[in-house]
Amino acid sequence: MSTARRQIDSAAISALAPVAALIPIWLIAIAIFWLPFWRFTDVSYPLFAFASLALGVVLFSRSIQRMFLSRLLNARKPSTKEAAILHKSWRRVAQANHVTGESFVLAVVDSNEINAFASGGHLVVVSSYAINELDENELAGVLAHELSHHLGSHTVALTIAQWLSLPILLLARLGFALQRFAERVSNAFSSKFSALRFFGLLVASALTVISSMFVAGLLVAQALSSAVGHASEFQADHRVVRMGFGNELLAALKHVADDAETGDLKPDNALIVSSHPPARERIFNLKVLLRTDDPFR
């Protein structure tokens, strides 16, 4: 089997839609962060915005993904026992595709679901429950699926979207916090200073509107991410079949079909997530692919 190479398939291109949706609201968020720099330095807004965007390139570094991105996704380093189980299955997948296992970062997220997800250019996260419940073959199928996402460049746009979401989410949370503070202040002086109470409520309302605008931008991006997420799952499954791990992935999906209808794990604190086809739909398509690719049929 030839060495697996990264490609940019159609799902990776369609995944840019959420990024495009985030750009306008991100430009507003970055402008707010730029104002203090503009007040005390000569840094122009275009330069500040470009530098902020370019800084996101560091998220594609393996060391940064290990230290920062994995924590952002609430993942951790595997324990000694988990690492032994993971690397046994991962070694099979890596050798079958002639990729070096060290090129990717394996992490674990504590969850009671049998699932996994890929992020960045190198990060593969598996739930602790999957490590404990899946056998070696099933786990190899799951890992092959996540490697397929990386090889298809499906995670590139997702990582960019996560980076763009950071200042938006920060400002949204800050706005809501200030809004609650303004409401408390206005209520505290409501009995003696009606004008101050009115001003406090006015400020609180303005902060609510601004914060809601940032949240709405995130929700639009998440909706688009959900709309394009299905294609990347099916393309990754197809790639798994070509790798030779279709039956292993099929067994893993059958294992979880009664527990979850989501496919890949969606981390609770992910800034941008994509929905996935129901497990039974993926099982049906995998069976079709396996029959189609069977040379003896």
C-alpha atoms as a PDB file:
ATOM      1  CA  MET A   1       0.000   0.000   0.000  1.00  0.00           C
ATOM      2  CA  SER A   2       1.357   3.442  -0.935  1.00  0.00           C
ATOM      3  CA  THR A   3       2.047   6.110   1.620  1.00  0.00           C
ATOM      4  CA  ALA A   4      -1.093   8.014   2.568  1.00  0.00           C
ATOM      5  CA  ARG A   5      -0.829  11.687   1.711  1.00  0.00           C
ATOM      6  CA  ARG A   6      -2.891  14.635   2.849  1.00  0.00           C
ATOM      7  CA  GLN A   7      -5.358  15.848   0.267  1.00  0.00           C
ATOM      8  CA  ILE A   8      -7.922  18.620   0.092  1.00  0.00           C
ATOM      9  CA  ASP A   9     -11.222  16.973  -0.750  1.00  0.00           C
ATOM     10  CA  SER A  10     -14.627  18.538  -1.324  1.00  0.00           C
ATOM     11  CA  ALA A  11     -15.652  18.272   2.340  1.00  0.00           C
ATOM     12  CA  ALA A  12     -12.563  20.257   3.362  1.00  0.00           C
ATOM     13  CA  ILE A  13     -13.538  23.011   0.928  1.00  0.00           C
ATOM     14  CA  SER A  14     -17.195  23.147   2.030  1.00  0.00           C
ATOM     15  CA  ALA A  15     -16.006  23.339   5.650  1.00  0.00           C
ATOM     16  CA  LEU A  16     -14.773  26.860   4.868  1.00  0.00           C
ATOM     17  CA  ALA A  17     -18.394  28.086   4.956  1.00  0.00           C
ATOM     18  CA  PRO A  18     -18.451  28.459   8.771  1.00  0.00           C
ATOM     19  CA  VAL A  19     -15.132  30.324   8.585  1.00  0.00           C
ATOM     20  CA  ALA A  20     -16.617  32.778   6.073  1.00  0.00           C
ATOM     21  CA  ALA A  21     -19.617  33.292   8.373  1.00  0.00           C
ATOM     22  CA  LEU A  22     -17.338  34.102  11.311  1.00  0.00           C
ATOM     23  CA  ILE A  23     -15.151  36.639   9.510  1.00  0.00           C
ATOM     24  CA  PRO A  24     -17.506  39.697   9.765  1.00  0.00           C
ATOM     25  CA  ILE A  25     -18.225  39.268  13.474  1.00  0.00           C
ATOM     26  CA  TRP A  26     -14.557  38.417  14.104  1.00  0.00           C
ATOM     27  CA  LEU A  27     -13.497  41.695  12.466  1.00  0.00           C
ATOM     28  CA  ILE A  28     -15.763  43.559  14.883  1.00  0.00           C
ATOM     29  CA  ALA A  29     -14.414  41.631  17.873  1.00  0.00           C
ATOM     30  CA  ILE A  30     -10.806  42.236  16.830  1.00  0.00           C
ATOM     31  CA  ALA A  31     -11.565  45.945  16.393  1.00  0.00           C
ATOM     32  CA  ILE A  32     -12.591  46.103  20.057  1.00  0.00           C
ATOM     33  CA  PHE A  33      -9.341  44.443  21.111  1.00  0.00           C
ATOM     34  CA  TRP A  34      -7.406  46.770  18.793  1.00  0.00           C
ATOM     35  CA  LEU A  35      -8.756  49.999  20.346  1.00  0.00           C
ATOM     36  CA  PRO A  36      -6.342  49.995  23.334  1.00  0.00           C
ATOM     37  CA  PHE A  37      -3.403  49.394  20.968  1.00  0.00           C
ATOM     38  CA  TRP A  38      -4.595  52.219  18.726  1.00  0.00           C
ATOM     39  CA  ARG A  39      -4.820  54.515  21.736  1.00  0.00           C
ATOM     40  CA  PHE A  40      -1.245  53.956  22.898  1.00  0.00           C
ATOM     41  CA  THR A  41       0.621  52.745  19.793  1.00  0.00           C
ATOM     42  CA  ASP A  42       0.803  53.353  16.064  1.00  0.00           C
ATOM     43  CA  VAL A  43      -0.365  49.844  15.134  1.00  0.00           C
ATOM     44  CA  SER A  44      -2.983  50.090  12.403  1.00  0.00           C
ATOM     45  CA  TYR A  45      -6.162  48.035  12.483  1.00  0.00           C
ATOM     46  CA  PRO A  46      -5.367  46.042   9.288  1.00  0.00           C
ATOM     47  CA  LEU A  47      -1.938  45.112  10.680  1.00  0.00           C
ATOM     48  CA  PHE A  48      -3.407  44.134  14.055  1.00  0.00           C
ATOM     49  CA  ALA A  49      -6.139  42.024  12.424  1.00  0.00           C
ATOM     50  CA  PHE A  50      -3.647  40.321  10.102  1.00  0.00           C
ATOM     51  CA  ALA A  51      -1.266  39.568  12.976  1.00  0.00           C
ATOM     52  CA  SER A  52      -4.123  38.150  15.049  1.00  0.00           C
ATOM     53  CA  LEU A  53      -5.189  35.913  12.189  1.00  0.00           C
ATOM     54  CA  ALA A  54      -1.629  34.820  11.391  1.00  0.00           C
ATOM     55  CA  LEU A  55      -1.043  33.923  15.025  1.00  0.00           C
ATOM     56  CA  GLY A  56      -3.598  31.138  14.579  1.00  0.00           C
ATOM     57  CA  VAL A  57      -1.073  29.275  12.436  1.00  0.00           C
ATOM     58  CA  VAL A  58       0.622  28.145  15.650  1.00  0.00           C
ATOM     59  CA  LEU A  59      -2.421  25.964  16.380  1.00  0.00           C
ATOM     60  CA  PHE A  60      -1.213  23.607  13.652  1.00  0.00           C
ATOM     61  CA  SER A  61       2.016  22.936  15.529  1.00  0.00           C
ATOM     62  CA  ARG A  62       2.069  19.520  17.223  1.00  0.00           C
ATOM     63  CA  SER A  63       3.517  20.949  20.434  1.00  0.00           C
ATOM     64  CA  ILE A  64       0.880  23.691  20.584  1.00  0.00           C
ATOM     65  CA  GLN A  65      -1.864  21.170  19.912  1.00  0.00           C
ATOM     66  CA  ARG A  66      -0.537  19.049  22.733  1.00  0.00           C
ATOM     67  CA  MET A  67      -0.347  21.962  25.181  1.00  0.00           C
ATOM     68  CA  PHE A  68      -3.131  24.319  24.110  1.00  0.00           C
ATOM     69  CA  LEU A  69      -5.628  22.887  21.648  1.00  0.00           C
ATOM     70  CA  SER A  70      -6.113  19.637  23.550  1.00  0.00           C
ATOM     71  CA  ARG A  71      -6.859  21.624  26.722  1.00  0.00           C
ATOM     72  CA  LEU A  72      -9.230  23.862  24.801  1.00  0.00           C
ATOM     73  CA  LEU A  73     -11.128  20.695  23.885  1.00  0.00           C
ATOM     74  CA  ASN A  74     -10.939  19.451  27.492  1.00  0.00           C
ATOM     75  CA  ALA A  75      -8.661  16.564  26.503  1.00  0.00           C
ATOM     76  CA  ARG A  76      -5.726  15.175  28.479  1.00  0.00           C
ATOM     77  CA  LYS A  77      -2.661  13.029  28.035  1.00  0.00           C
ATOM     78  CA  PRO A  78      -3.445   9.280  28.088  1.00  0.00           C
ATOM     79  CA  SER A  79      -2.591   7.385  31.241  1.00  0.00           C
ATOM     80  CA  THR A  80       0.037   4.635  31.014  1.00  0.00           C
ATOM     81  CA  LYS A  81      -2.663   1.990  30.634  1.00  0.00           C
ATOM     82  CA  GLU A  82      -4.643   4.029  28.092  1.00  0.00           C
ATOM     83  CA  ALA A  83      -1.503   4.805  26.093  1.00  0.00           C
ATOM     84  CA  ALA A  84      -0.653   1.109  25.828  1.00  0.00           C
ATOM     85  CA  ILE A  85      -4.140   0.308  24.497  1.00  0.00           C
ATOM     86  CA  LEU A  86      -4.262   3.278  22.135  1.00  0.00           C
ATOM     87  CA  HIS A  87      -0.823   2.792  20.624  1.00  0.00           C
ATOM     88  CA  LYS A  88      -1.448  -0.879  19.939  1.00  0.00           C
ATOM     89  CA  SER A  89      -4.355  -0.026  17.633  1.00  0.00           C
ATOM     90  CA  TRP A  90      -2.802   3.204  16.391  1.00  0.00           C
ATOM     91  CA  ARG A  91       0.360   1.400  15.313  1.00  0.00           C
ATOM     92  CA  ARG A  92      -1.685  -0.830  12.999  1.00  0.00           C
ATOM     93  CA  VAL A  93      -3.400   2.139  11.388  1.00  0.00           C
ATOM     94  CA  ALA A  94      -0.200   4.158  11.032  1.00  0.00           C
ATOM     95  CA  GLN A  95       1.742   1.244   9.533  1.00  0.00           C
ATOM     96  CA  ALA A  96      -1.045   0.431   7.085  1.00  0.00           C
ATOM     97  CA  ASN A  97      -0.914   3.999   5.785  1.00  0.00           C
ATOM     98  CA  HIS A  98       2.867   4.333   6.035  1.00  0.00           C
ATOM     99  CA  VAL A  99       2.640   7.388   8.291  1.00  0.00           C
ATOM    100  CA  THR A 100       4.759   7.937  11.361  1.00  0.00           C
ATOM    101  CA  GLY A 101       2.771   7.616  14.552  1.00  0.00           C
ATOM    102  CA  GLU A 102       4.759  10.459  16.063  1.00  0.00           C
ATOM    103  CA  SER A 103       3.270  12.838  13.492  1.00  0.00           C
ATOM    104  CA  PHE A 104       0.039  12.875  15.455  1.00  0.00           C
ATOM    105  CA  VAL A 105      -0.924  13.673  19.027  1.00  0.00           C
ATOM    106  CA  LEU A 106      -3.152  11.153  20.796  1.00  0.00           C
ATOM    107  CA  ALA A 107      -5.262  12.529  23.639  1.00  0.00           C
ATOM    108  CA  VAL A 108      -8.137  11.342  25.798  1.00  0.00           C
ATOM    109  CA  VAL A 109     -11.344  13.067  26.846  1.00  0.00           C
ATOM    110  CA  ASP A 110     -13.247  11.731  29.835  1.00  0.00           C
ATOM    111  CA  SER A 111     -16.678  10.719  28.574  1.00  0.00           C
ATOM    112  CA  ASN A 112     -19.213   7.931  28.959  1.00  0.00           C
ATOM    113  CA  GLU A 113     -19.678   7.675  25.182  1.00  0.00           C
ATOM    114  CA  ILE A 114     -17.777   5.456  22.750  1.00  0.00           C
ATOM    115  CA  ASN A 115     -16.509   8.076  20.355  1.00  0.00           C
ATOM    116  CA  ALA A 116     -13.606  10.175  19.105  1.00  0.00           C
ATOM    117  CA  PHE A 117     -12.842  13.332  17.141  1.00  0.00           C
ATOM    118  CA  ALA A 118     -10.014  14.918  15.175  1.00  0.00           C
ATOM    119  CA  SER A 119      -8.858  18.517  15.397  1.00  0.00           C
ATOM    120  CA  GLY A 120      -5.999  20.676  14.193  1.00  0.00           C
ATOM    121  CA  GLY A 121      -3.597  19.052  11.812  1.00  0.00           C
ATOM    122  CA  HIS A 122      -2.357  16.365  14.168  1.00  0.00           C
ATOM    123  CA  LEU A 123      -4.699  15.903  17.154  1.00  0.00           C
ATOM    124  CA  VAL A 124      -6.693  12.671  17.591  1.00  0.00           C
ATOM    125  CA  VAL A 125      -8.881  12.539  20.693  1.00  0.00           C
ATOM    126  CA  VAL A 126     -10.548   9.343  21.912  1.00  0.00           C
ATOM    127  CA  SER A 127     -13.025   9.070  24.767  1.00  0.00           C
ATOM    128  CA  SER A 128     -11.929   7.148  27.852  1.00  0.00           C
ATOM    129  CA  TYR A 129     -15.041   4.984  27.517  1.00  0.00           C
ATOM    130  CA  ALA A 130     -14.069   3.983  23.973  1.00  0.00           C
ATOM    131  CA  ILE A 131     -10.641   2.872  25.169  1.00  0.00           C
ATOM    132  CA  ASN A 132     -12.218   0.699  27.841  1.00  0.00           C
ATOM    133  CA  GLU A 133     -15.122  -0.708  25.801  1.00  0.00           C
ATOM    134  CA  LEU A 134     -13.806  -1.249  22.270  1.00  0.00           C
ATOM    135  CA  ASP A 135     -11.558  -4.152  21.394  1.00  0.00           C
ATOM    136  CA  GLU A 136      -8.329  -3.699  19.449  1.00  0.00           C
ATOM    137  CA  ASN A 137      -9.954  -4.053  16.021  1.00  0.00           C
ATOM    138  CA  GLU A 138     -12.858  -1.700  16.777  1.00  0.00           C
ATOM    139  CA  LEU A 139     -10.528   0.909  18.215  1.00  0.00           C
ATOM    140  CA  ALA A 140      -8.352   0.626  15.098  1.00  0.00           C
ATOM    141  CA  GLY A 141     -11.422   1.353  12.981  1.00  0.00           C
ATOM    142  CA  VAL A 142     -12.221   4.471  15.015  1.00  0.00           C
ATOM    143  CA  LEU A 143      -8.632   5.706  14.830  1.00  0.00           C
ATOM    144  CA  ALA A 144      -8.546   5.063  11.081  1.00  0.00           C
ATOM    145  CA  HIS A 145     -11.653   7.225  10.736  1.00  0.00           C
ATOM    146  CA  GLU A 146     -10.015  10.106  12.611  1.00  0.00           C
ATOM    147  CA  LEU A 147      -6.820   9.748  10.577  1.00  0.00           C
ATOM    148  CA  SER A 148      -9.026   9.941   7.481  1.00  0.00           C
ATOM    149  CA  HIS A 149     -10.286  13.337   8.625  1.00  0.00           C
ATOM    150  CA  HIS A 150      -6.704  14.560   8.843  1.00  0.00           C
ATOM    151  CA  LEU A 151      -5.710  13.063   5.496  1.00  0.00           C
ATOM    152  CA  GLY A 152      -8.719  14.713   3.873  1.00  0.00           C
ATOM    153  CA  SER A 153      -7.831  18.072   5.498  1.00  0.00           C
ATOM    154  CA  HIS A 154     -11.277  18.177   7.107  1.00  0.00           C
ATOM    155  CA  THR A 155      -9.884  19.596  10.343  1.00  0.00           C
ATOM    156  CA  VAL A 156      -8.109  22.616   8.855  1.00  0.00           C
ATOM    157  CA  ALA A 157     -11.189  24.832   8.501  1.00  0.00           C
ATOM    158  CA  LEU A 158     -12.498  23.615  11.858  1.00  0.00           C
ATOM    159  CA  THR A 159      -9.297  24.708  13.597  1.00  0.00           C
ATOM    160  CA  ILE A 160      -9.379  28.117  11.895  1.00  0.00           C
ATOM    161  CA  ALA A 161     -12.991  28.530  13.009  1.00  0.00           C
ATOM    162  CA  GLN A 162     -12.049  27.630  16.572  1.00  0.00           C
ATOM    163  CA  TRP A 163      -9.320  30.282  16.526  1.00  0.00           C
ATOM    164  CA  LEU A 164     -11.666  32.933  15.121  1.00  0.00           C
ATOM    165  CA  SER A 165     -14.245  32.037  17.764  1.00  0.00           C
ATOM    166  CA  LEU A 166     -11.952  32.754  20.704  1.00  0.00           C
ATOM    167  CA  PRO A 167     -12.192  36.600  20.752  1.00  0.00           C
ATOM    168  CA  ILE A 168     -15.887  36.445  19.858  1.00  0.00           C
ATOM    169  CA  LEU A 169     -16.681  34.087  22.709  1.00  0.00           C
ATOM    170  CA  LEU A 170     -14.526  36.090  25.131  1.00  0.00           C
ATOM    171  CA  LEU A 171     -16.325  39.335  24.324  1.00  0.00           C
ATOM    172  CA  ALA A 172     -19.725  37.651  24.536  1.00  0.00           C
ATOM    173  CA  ARG A 173     -18.959  36.316  28.010  1.00  0.00           C
ATOM    174  CA  LEU A 174     -17.470  39.643  29.099  1.00  0.00           C
ATOM    175  CA  GLY A 175     -20.520  41.498  27.829  1.00  0.00           C
ATOM    176  CA  PHE A 176     -22.944  39.287  29.706  1.00  0.00           C
ATOM    177  CA  ALA A 177     -20.839  39.579  32.877  1.00  0.00           C
ATOM    178  CA  LEU A 178     -20.853  43.387  32.638  1.00  0.00           C
ATOM    179  CA  GLN A 179     -24.560  43.309  31.911  1.00  0.00           C
ATOM    180  CA  ARG A 180     -25.237  41.393  35.127  1.00  0.00           C
ATOM    181  CA  PHE A 181     -22.992  43.797  37.041  1.00  0.00           C
ATOM    182  CA  ALA A 182     -24.817  46.829  35.616  1.00  0.00           C
ATOM    183  CA  GLU A 183     -28.145  45.324  36.618  1.00  0.00           C
ATOM    184  CA  ARG A 184     -26.941  44.718  40.185  1.00  0.00           C
ATOM    185  CA  VAL A 185     -25.643  48.282  40.469  1.00  0.00           C
ATOM    186  CA  SER A 186     -28.857  49.767  39.138  1.00  0.00           C
ATOM    187  CA  ASN A 187     -30.959  47.664  41.513  1.00  0.00           C
ATOM    188  CA  ALA A 188     -28.768  48.640  44.466  1.00  0.00           C
ATOM    189  CA  PHE A 189     -29.400  52.356  43.904  1.00  0.00           C
ATOM    190  CA  SER A 190     -32.966  52.048  42.619  1.00  0.00           C
ATOM    191  CA  SER A 191     -34.583  53.305  45.826  1.00  0.00           C
ATOM    192  CA  LYS A 192     -32.569  56.560  46.053  1.00  0.00           C
ATOM    193  CA  PHE A 193     -31.366  57.402  42.563  1.00  0.00           C
ATOM    194  CA  SER A 194     -33.931  56.661  39.903  1.00  0.00           C
ATOM    195  CA  ALA A 195     -31.825  58.329  37.204  1.00  0.00           C
ATOM    196  CA  LEU A 196     -28.861  56.119  38.052  1.00  0.00           C
ATOM    197  CA  ARG A 197     -31.078  53.059  37.947  1.00  0.00           C
ATOM    198  CA  PHE A 198     -32.353  54.059  34.502  1.00  0.00           C
ATOM    199  CA  PHE A 199     -28.795  54.591  33.241  1.00  0.00           C
ATOM    200  CA  GLY A 200     -27.700  51.227  34.644  1.00  0.00           C
ATOM    201  CA  LEU A 201     -30.576  49.438  32.942  1.00  0.00           C
ATOM    202  CA  LEU A 202     -29.786  51.259  29.691  1.00  0.00           C
ATOM    203  CA  VAL A 203     -26.161  50.121  29.854  1.00  0.00           C
ATOM    204  CA  ALA A 204     -27.245  46.576  30.719  1.00  0.00           C
ATOM    205  CA  SER A 205     -29.608  46.489  27.738  1.00  0.00           C
ATOM    206  CA  ALA A 206     -26.899  47.746  25.377  1.00  0.00           C
ATOM    207  CA  LEU A 207     -24.443  45.132  26.644  1.00  0.00           C
ATOM    208  CA  THR A 208     -27.081  42.426  26.202  1.00  0.00           C
ATOM    209  CA  VAL A 209     -27.624  43.448  22.571  1.00  0.00           C
ATOM    210  CA  ILE A 210     -23.884  43.517  21.829  1.00  0.00           C
ATOM    211  CA  SER A 211     -23.238  40.177  23.537  1.00  0.00           C
ATOM    212  CA  SER A 212     -26.195  38.602  21.744  1.00  0.00           C
ATOM    213  CA  MET A 213     -24.766  39.795  18.438  1.00  0.00           C
ATOM    214  CA  PHE A 214     -21.537  37.899  19.114  1.00  0.00           C
ATOM    215  CA  VAL A 215     -23.443  34.788  20.203  1.00  0.00           C
ATOM    216  CA  ALA A 216     -25.598  34.984  17.060  1.00  0.00           C
ATOM    217  CA  GLY A 217     -22.447  34.981  14.925  1.00  0.00           C
ATOM    218  CA  LEU A 218     -21.248  31.810  16.646  1.00  0.00           C
ATOM    219  CA  LEU A 219     -24.646  30.160  16.226  1.00  0.00           C
ATOM    220  CA  VAL A 220     -24.720  30.905  12.495  1.00  0.00           C
ATOM    221  CA  ALA A 221     -21.242  29.416  12.094  1.00  0.00           C
ATOM    222  CA  GLN A 222     -22.255  26.342  14.100  1.00  0.00           C
ATOM    223  CA  ALA A 223     -25.372  25.895  11.959  1.00  0.00           C
ATOM    224  CA  LEU A 224     -23.269  25.989   8.799  1.00  0.00           C
ATOM    225  CA  SER A 225     -20.752  23.616  10.375  1.00  0.00           C
ATOM    226  CA  SER A 226     -23.579  21.197  11.086  1.00  0.00           C
ATOM    227  CA  ALA A 227     -24.865  21.480   7.538  1.00  0.00           C
ATOM    228  CA  VAL A 228     -21.525  20.556   5.976  1.00  0.00           C
ATOM    229  CA  GLY A 229     -20.444  18.058   8.634  1.00  0.00           C
ATOM    230  CA  HIS A 230     -22.253  15.054   7.162  1.00  0.00           C
ATOM    231  CA  ALA A 231     -20.229  15.048   3.951  1.00  0.00           C
ATOM    232  CA  SER A 232     -16.918  14.904   5.794  1.00  0.00           C
ATOM    233  CA  GLU A 233     -18.094  11.910   7.847  1.00  0.00           C
ATOM    234  CA  PHE A 234     -19.089   9.885   4.801  1.00  0.00           C
ATOM    235  CA  GLN A 235     -15.899  10.818   2.954  1.00  0.00           C
ATOM    236  CA  ALA A 236     -13.837   9.781   5.979  1.00  0.00           C
ATOM    237  CA  ASP A 237     -15.719   6.466   6.177  1.00  0.00           C
ATOM    238  CA  HIS A 238     -15.032   5.860   2.485  1.00  0.00           C
ATOM    239  CA  ARG A 239     -11.347   6.518   3.029  1.00  0.00           C
ATOM    240  CA  VAL A 240     -11.352   4.050   5.949  1.00  0.00           C
ATOM    241  CA  VAL A 241     -12.669   1.344   3.613  1.00  0.00           C
ATOM    242  CA  ARG A 242      -9.886   2.082   1.138  1.00  0.00           C
ATOM    243  CA  MET A 243      -7.392   1.849   4.013  1.00  0.00           C
ATOM    244  CA  GLY A 244      -8.627  -1.654   4.751  1.00  0.00           C
ATOM    245  CA  PHE A 245     -10.275  -0.879   8.106  1.00  0.00           C
ATOM    246  CA  GLY A 246     -13.895  -0.774   6.953  1.00  0.00           C
ATOM    247  CA  ASN A 247     -14.963  -3.889   8.849  1.00  0.00           C
ATOM    248  CA  GLU A 248     -13.268  -2.652  12.015  1.00  0.00           C
ATOM    249  CA  LEU A 249     -15.102   0.687  11.825  1.00  0.00           C
ATOM    250  CA  LEU A 250     -18.355  -1.105  11.040  1.00  0.00           C
ATOM    251  CA  ALA A 251     -17.968  -3.228  14.169  1.00  0.00           C
ATOM    252  CA  ALA A 252     -17.278  -0.114  16.258  1.00  0.00           C
ATOM    253  CA  LEU A 253     -20.359   1.663  14.909  1.00  0.00           C
ATOM    254  CA  LYS A 254     -22.525  -1.349  15.632  1.00  0.00           C
ATOM    255  CA  HIS A 255     -21.135  -1.287  19.156  1.00  0.00           C
ATOM    256  CA  VAL A 256     -22.383   2.257  19.719  1.00  0.00           C
ATOM    257  CA  ALA A 257     -25.504   2.302  17.552  1.00  0.00           C
ATOM    258  CA  ASP A 258     -27.835   1.745  20.494  1.00  0.00           C
ATOM    259  CA  ASP A 259     -26.027   4.224  22.758  1.00  0.00           C
ATOM    260  CA  ALA A 260     -25.645   7.285  20.558  1.00  0.00           C
ATOM    261  CA  GLU A 261     -26.915   8.612  17.275  1.00  0.00           C
ATOM    262  CA  THR A 262     -24.095  11.031  16.597  1.00  0.00           C
ATOM    263  CA  GLY A 263     -21.093   9.317  15.033  1.00  0.00           C
ATOM    264  CA  ASP A 264     -18.154  11.362  16.296  1.00  0.00           C
ATOM    265  CA  LEU A 265     -17.895  12.828  19.763  1.00  0.00           C
ATOM    266  CA  LYS A 266     -18.709  16.519  20.007  1.00  0.00           C
ATOM    267  CA  PRO A 267     -16.752  17.992  22.922  1.00  0.00           C
ATOM    268  CA  ASP A 268     -18.921  19.950  25.336  1.00  0.00           C
ATOM    269  CA  ASN A 269     -16.723  23.047  25.252  1.00  0.00           C
ATOM    270  CA  ALA A 270     -15.920  23.066  21.542  1.00  0.00           C
ATOM    271  CA  LEU A 271     -16.352  26.517  20.040  1.00  0.00           C
ATOM    272  CA  ILE A 272     -17.337  25.255  16.633  1.00  0.00           C
ATOM    273  CA  VAL A 273     -18.740  21.773  16.205  1.00  0.00           C
ATOM    274  CA  SER A 274     -20.359  19.917  13.357  1.00  0.00           C
ATOM    275  CA  SER A 275     -23.222  17.485  13.551  1.00  0.00           C
ATOM    276  CA  HIS A 276     -22.756  13.960  12.291  1.00  0.00           C
ATOM    277  CA  PRO A 277     -24.987  11.418  10.569  1.00  0.00           C
ATOM    278  CA  PRO A 278     -26.749   8.872  12.775  1.00  0.00           C
ATOM    279  CA  ALA A 279     -24.645   5.789  13.463  1.00  0.00           C
ATOM    280  CA  ARG A 280     -27.157   3.525  11.704  1.00  0.00           C
ATOM    281  CA  GLU A 281     -26.981   5.641   8.550  1.00  0.00           C
ATOM    282  CA  ARG A 282     -23.206   5.325   8.552  1.00  0.00           C
ATOM    283  CA  ILE A 283     -23.498   1.572   9.149  1.00  0.00           C
ATOM    284  CA  PHE A 284     -25.755   1.215   6.099  1.00  0.00           C
ATOM    285  CA  ASN A 285     -23.365   3.217   3.900  1.00  0.00           C
ATOM    286  CA  LEU A 286     -20.361   1.284   5.152  1.00  0.00           C
ATOM    287  CA  LYS A 287     -22.035  -2.001   4.265  1.00  0.00           C
ATOM    288  CA  VAL A 288     -22.682  -0.686   0.755  1.00  0.00           C
ATOM    289  CA  LEU A 289     -19.072   0.468   0.422  1.00  0.00           C
ATOM    290  CA  LEU A 290     -17.704  -2.827   1.687  1.00  0.00           C
ATOM    291  CA  ARG A 291     -19.802  -4.789  -0.822  1.00  0.00           C
ATOM    292  CA  THR A 292     -18.828  -2.442  -3.643  1.00  0.00           C
ATOM    293  CA  ASP A 293     -15.122  -2.657  -2.832  1.00  0.00           C
ATOM    294  CA  ASP A 294     -15.135  -6.436  -2.339  1.00  0.00           C
ATOM    295  CA  PRO A 295     -13.118  -7.880  -5.292  1.00  0.00           C
ATOM    296  CA  PHE A 296     -14.787 -11.283  -4.895  1.00  0.00           C
ATOM    297  CA  ARG A 297     -18.299  -9.990  -5.519  1.00  0.00           C
END
